[in-house]
Amino acid sequence: MEITVYEMDDCPVCAKVKTTLRMMGLPFMVASLRDATELYEGWRDTEAVELRSALAMNDDEAPIVKIDGKFMPYDDAMAVIRKCAIDDIENKPECPNGACKI
């Protein structure tokens, strides 16, 4: 499972999500939400548009988490991660939203 946390500066929820992922022993990358959604030479790339769309659907609140290429608000992402962790413990082969088994 590939996880990227897109965060804003001084965001307590962002810090909490990163702490939770560390406690779960999951590797993840961190990226700046601001940098990822900035205009680049007047155009946005497809990923920036998808990220901005996920942010808008989350009332412009950070963090946004990308799991295996899919952007989602942090609460949805944490539900997917928890579900996968439980499925892994119970040796179930499927995870929600097409996420990979941990």
N, C-alpha and C. Protein backbone atom coordinates (compact mmCIF):
# COMPACT_ATOMS: atom_id res chain seq x y z
N MET A 1 0.85 -1.17 0.00
CA MET A 1 0.00 0.00 0.00
C MET A 1 0.90 1.23 0.00
N GLU A 2 0.70 2.11 -0.95
CA GLU A 2 1.46 3.36 -1.02
C GLU A 2 0.60 4.48 -0.45
N ILE A 3 1.14 5.17 0.57
CA ILE A 3 0.40 6.21 1.26
C ILE A 3 1.19 7.52 1.20
N THR A 4 0.51 8.60 0.82
CA THR A 4 1.09 9.94 0.87
C THR A 4 0.13 10.83 1.63
N VAL A 5 0.65 11.55 2.62
CA VAL A 5 -0.15 12.51 3.38
C VAL A 5 0.18 13.90 2.85
N TYR A 6 -0.83 14.57 2.31
CA TYR A 6 -0.68 15.94 1.84
C TYR A 6 -1.11 16.86 2.97
N GLU A 7 -0.17 17.64 3.49
CA GLU A 7 -0.43 18.42 4.69
C GLU A 7 -0.23 19.91 4.46
N MET A 8 -0.76 20.68 5.41
CA MET A 8 -0.55 22.13 5.47
C MET A 8 0.34 22.41 6.68
N ASP A 9 1.02 23.55 6.66
CA ASP A 9 1.86 23.94 7.80
C ASP A 9 1.00 24.12 9.04
N ASP A 10 1.54 23.75 10.19
CA ASP A 10 0.87 23.93 11.48
C ASP A 10 -0.52 23.32 11.52
N CYS A 11 -0.68 22.15 10.98
CA CYS A 11 -1.97 21.46 10.94
C CYS A 11 -1.97 20.34 11.98
N PRO A 12 -2.71 20.51 13.09
CA PRO A 12 -2.70 19.48 14.13
C PRO A 12 -3.30 18.15 13.68
N VAL A 13 -4.28 18.19 12.79
CA VAL A 13 -4.87 16.94 12.30
C VAL A 13 -3.86 16.20 11.43
N CYS A 14 -3.08 16.94 10.65
CA CYS A 14 -2.03 16.34 9.83
C CYS A 14 -1.02 15.61 10.72
N ALA A 15 -0.63 16.24 11.79
CA ALA A 15 0.32 15.64 12.73
C ALA A 15 -0.27 14.37 13.34
N LYS A 16 -1.55 14.41 13.66
CA LYS A 16 -2.21 13.25 14.27
C LYS A 16 -2.26 12.07 13.29
N VAL A 17 -2.56 12.35 12.03
CA VAL A 17 -2.60 11.29 11.02
C VAL A 17 -1.21 10.66 10.87
N LYS A 18 -0.17 11.48 10.80
CA LYS A 18 1.19 10.95 10.67
C LYS A 18 1.58 10.12 11.89
N THR A 19 1.20 10.58 13.08
CA THR A 19 1.49 9.83 14.30
C THR A 19 0.78 8.48 14.27
N THR A 20 -0.46 8.48 13.85
CA THR A 20 -1.23 7.23 13.77
C THR A 20 -0.60 6.25 12.79
N LEU A 21 -0.19 6.74 11.63
CA LEU A 21 0.45 5.87 10.65
C LEU A 21 1.76 5.30 11.18
N ARG A 22 2.53 6.14 11.88
CA ARG A 22 3.78 5.65 12.48
C ARG A 22 3.50 4.57 13.53
N MET A 23 2.48 4.80 14.36
CA MET A 23 2.13 3.83 15.40
C MET A 23 1.68 2.51 14.79
N MET A 24 1.06 2.58 13.61
CA MET A 24 0.62 1.36 12.92
C MET A 24 1.78 0.69 12.18
N GLY A 25 2.92 1.38 12.13
CA GLY A 25 4.08 0.82 11.46
C GLY A 25 3.99 0.86 9.94
N LEU A 26 3.19 1.79 9.42
CA LEU A 26 3.01 1.89 7.97
C LEU A 26 3.95 2.94 7.38
N PRO A 27 4.64 2.59 6.32
CA PRO A 27 5.47 3.59 5.65
C PRO A 27 4.58 4.56 4.87
N PHE A 28 4.99 5.82 4.86
CA PHE A 28 4.23 6.83 4.12
C PHE A 28 5.15 7.96 3.75
N MET A 29 4.71 8.72 2.75
CA MET A 29 5.43 9.92 2.34
C MET A 29 4.61 11.13 2.75
N VAL A 30 5.27 12.25 2.88
CA VAL A 30 4.61 13.51 3.23
C VAL A 30 4.88 14.51 2.12
N ALA A 31 3.84 15.23 1.73
CA ALA A 31 3.99 16.27 0.70
C ALA A 31 3.23 17.51 1.14
N SER A 32 3.67 18.64 0.66
CA SER A 32 3.00 19.90 0.95
C SER A 32 1.76 20.03 0.08
N LEU A 33 0.63 20.21 0.72
CA LEU A 33 -0.62 20.40 -0.01
C LEU A 33 -0.55 21.67 -0.86
N ARG A 34 0.03 22.70 -0.30
CA ARG A 34 0.16 23.97 -1.02
C ARG A 34 1.03 23.79 -2.28
N ASP A 35 2.20 23.16 -2.12
CA ASP A 35 3.08 22.97 -3.26
C ASP A 35 2.45 22.08 -4.33
N ALA A 36 1.71 21.09 -3.92
CA ALA A 36 1.12 20.14 -4.86
C ALA A 36 -0.03 20.73 -5.66
N THR A 37 -0.61 21.81 -5.18
CA THR A 37 -1.75 22.41 -5.89
C THR A 37 -1.42 23.77 -6.51
N GLU A 38 -0.15 24.18 -6.45
CA GLU A 38 0.28 25.45 -7.06
C GLU A 38 0.23 25.36 -8.57
N LEU A 39 0.02 26.48 -9.20
CA LEU A 39 0.10 26.51 -10.66
C LEU A 39 1.54 26.30 -11.10
N TYR A 40 1.74 25.54 -12.12
CA TYR A 40 3.06 25.31 -12.68
C TYR A 40 3.02 25.72 -14.14
N GLU A 41 3.73 26.78 -14.47
CA GLU A 41 3.77 27.31 -15.83
C GLU A 41 2.36 27.52 -16.38
N GLY A 42 1.42 27.94 -15.52
CA GLY A 42 0.08 28.25 -15.98
C GLY A 42 -0.85 27.06 -16.11
N TRP A 43 -0.36 25.86 -15.88
CA TRP A 43 -1.19 24.66 -16.02
C TRP A 43 -1.10 23.84 -14.76
N ARG A 44 -2.14 23.14 -14.49
CA ARG A 44 -2.11 22.17 -13.40
C ARG A 44 -2.02 20.78 -14.04
N ASP A 45 -1.23 19.91 -13.42
CA ASP A 45 -1.20 18.55 -13.95
C ASP A 45 -2.44 17.80 -13.43
N THR A 46 -2.69 16.65 -13.99
CA THR A 46 -3.89 15.88 -13.65
C THR A 46 -3.94 15.55 -12.17
N GLU A 47 -2.81 15.18 -11.59
CA GLU A 47 -2.79 14.82 -10.18
C GLU A 47 -3.14 16.02 -9.30
N ALA A 48 -2.67 17.20 -9.66
CA ALA A 48 -2.99 18.40 -8.88
C ALA A 48 -4.49 18.70 -8.94
N VAL A 49 -5.10 18.47 -10.08
CA VAL A 49 -6.54 18.69 -10.22
C VAL A 49 -7.30 17.70 -9.34
N GLU A 50 -6.90 16.44 -9.35
CA GLU A 50 -7.56 15.42 -8.52
C GLU A 50 -7.38 15.73 -7.04
N LEU A 51 -6.19 16.17 -6.67
CA LEU A 51 -5.92 16.54 -5.28
C LEU A 51 -6.77 17.72 -4.86
N ARG A 52 -6.84 18.73 -5.71
CA ARG A 52 -7.64 19.92 -5.39
C ARG A 52 -9.12 19.58 -5.29
N SER A 53 -9.57 18.66 -6.11
CA SER A 53 -10.96 18.21 -6.05
C SER A 53 -11.25 17.51 -4.73
N ALA A 54 -10.34 16.65 -4.29
CA ALA A 54 -10.50 15.97 -3.00
C ALA A 54 -10.50 16.97 -1.86
N LEU A 55 -9.66 18.00 -1.97
CA LEU A 55 -9.60 19.03 -0.94
C LEU A 55 -10.91 19.81 -0.89
N ALA A 56 -11.45 20.14 -2.05
CA ALA A 56 -12.72 20.87 -2.10
C ALA A 56 -13.85 20.04 -1.50
N MET A 57 -13.84 18.74 -1.77
CA MET A 57 -14.88 17.87 -1.21
C MET A 57 -14.74 17.73 0.30
N ASN A 58 -13.58 18.08 0.83
CA ASN A 58 -13.33 18.02 2.27
C ASN A 58 -13.40 19.42 2.88
N ASP A 59 -14.15 20.33 2.26
CA ASP A 59 -14.31 21.71 2.75
C ASP A 59 -12.99 22.43 2.93
N ASP A 60 -12.04 22.17 2.03
CA ASP A 60 -10.71 22.79 2.04
C ASP A 60 -9.94 22.56 3.34
N GLU A 61 -10.17 21.42 3.96
CA GLU A 61 -9.45 21.08 5.19
C GLU A 61 -8.42 20.00 4.92
N ALA A 62 -7.26 20.19 5.48
CA ALA A 62 -6.18 19.22 5.36
C ALA A 62 -6.25 18.27 6.55
N PRO A 63 -5.65 17.11 6.44
CA PRO A 63 -4.88 16.60 5.31
C PRO A 63 -5.75 15.86 4.31
N ILE A 64 -5.17 15.67 3.14
CA ILE A 64 -5.72 14.77 2.14
C ILE A 64 -4.72 13.62 2.04
N VAL A 65 -5.22 12.41 1.97
CA VAL A 65 -4.35 11.25 1.93
C VAL A 65 -4.54 10.53 0.60
N LYS A 66 -3.44 10.16 0.01
CA LYS A 66 -3.47 9.40 -1.25
C LYS A 66 -3.06 7.97 -0.94
N ILE A 67 -3.95 7.03 -1.25
CA ILE A 67 -3.67 5.62 -1.04
C ILE A 67 -3.73 4.92 -2.39
N ASP A 68 -2.61 4.35 -2.78
CA ASP A 68 -2.51 3.63 -4.05
C ASP A 68 -3.13 4.42 -5.21
N GLY A 69 -2.80 5.72 -5.26
CA GLY A 69 -3.22 6.55 -6.37
C GLY A 69 -4.57 7.22 -6.22
N LYS A 70 -5.29 6.94 -5.14
CA LYS A 70 -6.62 7.53 -4.95
C LYS A 70 -6.56 8.55 -3.82
N PHE A 71 -7.00 9.79 -4.11
CA PHE A 71 -7.04 10.85 -3.11
C PHE A 71 -8.33 10.76 -2.32
N MET A 72 -8.24 11.00 -1.01
CA MET A 72 -9.42 11.00 -0.16
C MET A 72 -9.19 11.82 1.09
N PRO A 73 -10.27 12.32 1.70
CA PRO A 73 -10.12 13.01 2.97
C PRO A 73 -9.53 12.06 4.00
N TYR A 74 -8.87 12.63 5.00
CA TYR A 74 -8.16 11.79 5.97
C TYR A 74 -9.05 10.81 6.70
N ASP A 75 -10.30 11.18 7.04
CA ASP A 75 -11.14 10.25 7.78
C ASP A 75 -11.51 9.03 6.93
N ASP A 76 -11.76 9.24 5.64
CA ASP A 76 -12.02 8.12 4.75
C ASP A 76 -10.77 7.26 4.60
N ALA A 77 -9.62 7.91 4.46
CA ALA A 77 -8.37 7.18 4.30
C ALA A 77 -8.06 6.33 5.53
N MET A 78 -8.27 6.90 6.71
CA MET A 78 -7.99 6.14 7.93
C MET A 78 -8.93 4.94 8.06
N ALA A 79 -10.17 5.09 7.59
CA ALA A 79 -11.11 3.96 7.61
C ALA A 79 -10.63 2.84 6.68
N VAL A 80 -10.12 3.22 5.50
CA VAL A 80 -9.59 2.23 4.56
C VAL A 80 -8.38 1.53 5.17
N ILE A 81 -7.49 2.30 5.77
CA ILE A 81 -6.27 1.72 6.37
C ILE A 81 -6.62 0.78 7.52
N ARG A 82 -7.53 1.20 8.38
CA ARG A 82 -7.95 0.33 9.49
C ARG A 82 -8.59 -0.95 8.97
N LYS A 83 -9.45 -0.83 7.96
CA LYS A 83 -10.11 -2.00 7.38
C LYS A 83 -9.08 -2.97 6.83
N CYS A 84 -8.10 -2.45 6.13
CA CYS A 84 -7.05 -3.31 5.57
C CYS A 84 -6.24 -3.98 6.67
N ALA A 85 -5.95 -3.23 7.74
CA ALA A 85 -5.19 -3.81 8.85
C ALA A 85 -5.97 -4.94 9.51
N ILE A 86 -7.27 -4.75 9.70
CA ILE A 86 -8.11 -5.80 10.30
C ILE A 86 -8.19 -7.00 9.37
N ASP A 87 -8.38 -6.74 8.07
CA ASP A 87 -8.44 -7.84 7.10
C ASP A 87 -7.12 -8.61 7.08
N ASP A 88 -6.00 -7.90 7.22
CA ASP A 88 -4.70 -8.57 7.24
C ASP A 88 -4.58 -9.46 8.47
N ILE A 89 -5.01 -8.96 9.61
CA ILE A 89 -4.96 -9.75 10.85
C ILE A 89 -5.83 -10.99 10.72
N GLU A 90 -6.98 -10.84 10.10
CA GLU A 90 -7.92 -11.94 9.94
C GLU A 90 -7.65 -12.75 8.67
N ASN A 91 -6.58 -12.41 7.96
CA ASN A 91 -6.18 -13.09 6.72
C ASN A 91 -7.26 -13.04 5.65
N LYS A 92 -7.97 -11.93 5.57
CA LYS A 92 -8.95 -11.75 4.51
C LYS A 92 -8.24 -11.17 3.30
N PRO A 93 -8.58 -11.64 2.10
CA PRO A 93 -7.86 -11.19 0.91
C PRO A 93 -8.26 -9.86 0.33
N GLU A 94 -9.39 -9.29 0.75
CA GLU A 94 -9.87 -8.08 0.10
C GLU A 94 -9.81 -6.86 1.01
N CYS A 95 -9.56 -5.72 0.39
CA CYS A 95 -9.59 -4.44 1.10
C CYS A 95 -10.53 -3.50 0.35
N PRO A 96 -11.14 -2.54 1.04
CA PRO A 96 -12.06 -1.63 0.38
C PRO A 96 -11.35 -0.67 -0.57
N ASN A 97 -12.11 -0.15 -1.51
CA ASN A 97 -11.64 0.87 -2.44
C ASN A 97 -10.44 0.43 -3.27
N GLY A 98 -10.25 -0.84 -3.43
CA GLY A 98 -9.15 -1.32 -4.26
C GLY A 98 -7.78 -1.16 -3.62
N ALA A 99 -7.73 -0.84 -2.32
CA ALA A 99 -6.44 -0.67 -1.64
C ALA A 99 -5.77 -2.04 -1.50
N CYS A 100 -4.47 -2.02 -1.52
CA CYS A 100 -3.71 -3.26 -1.40
C CYS A 100 -3.73 -3.78 0.02
N LYS A 101 -3.61 -5.06 0.16
CA LYS A 101 -3.52 -5.68 1.47
C LYS A 101 -2.21 -5.27 2.14
N ILE A 102 -2.26 -4.95 3.40
CA ILE A 102 -1.05 -4.56 4.13
C ILE A 102 -0.23 -5.79 4.41
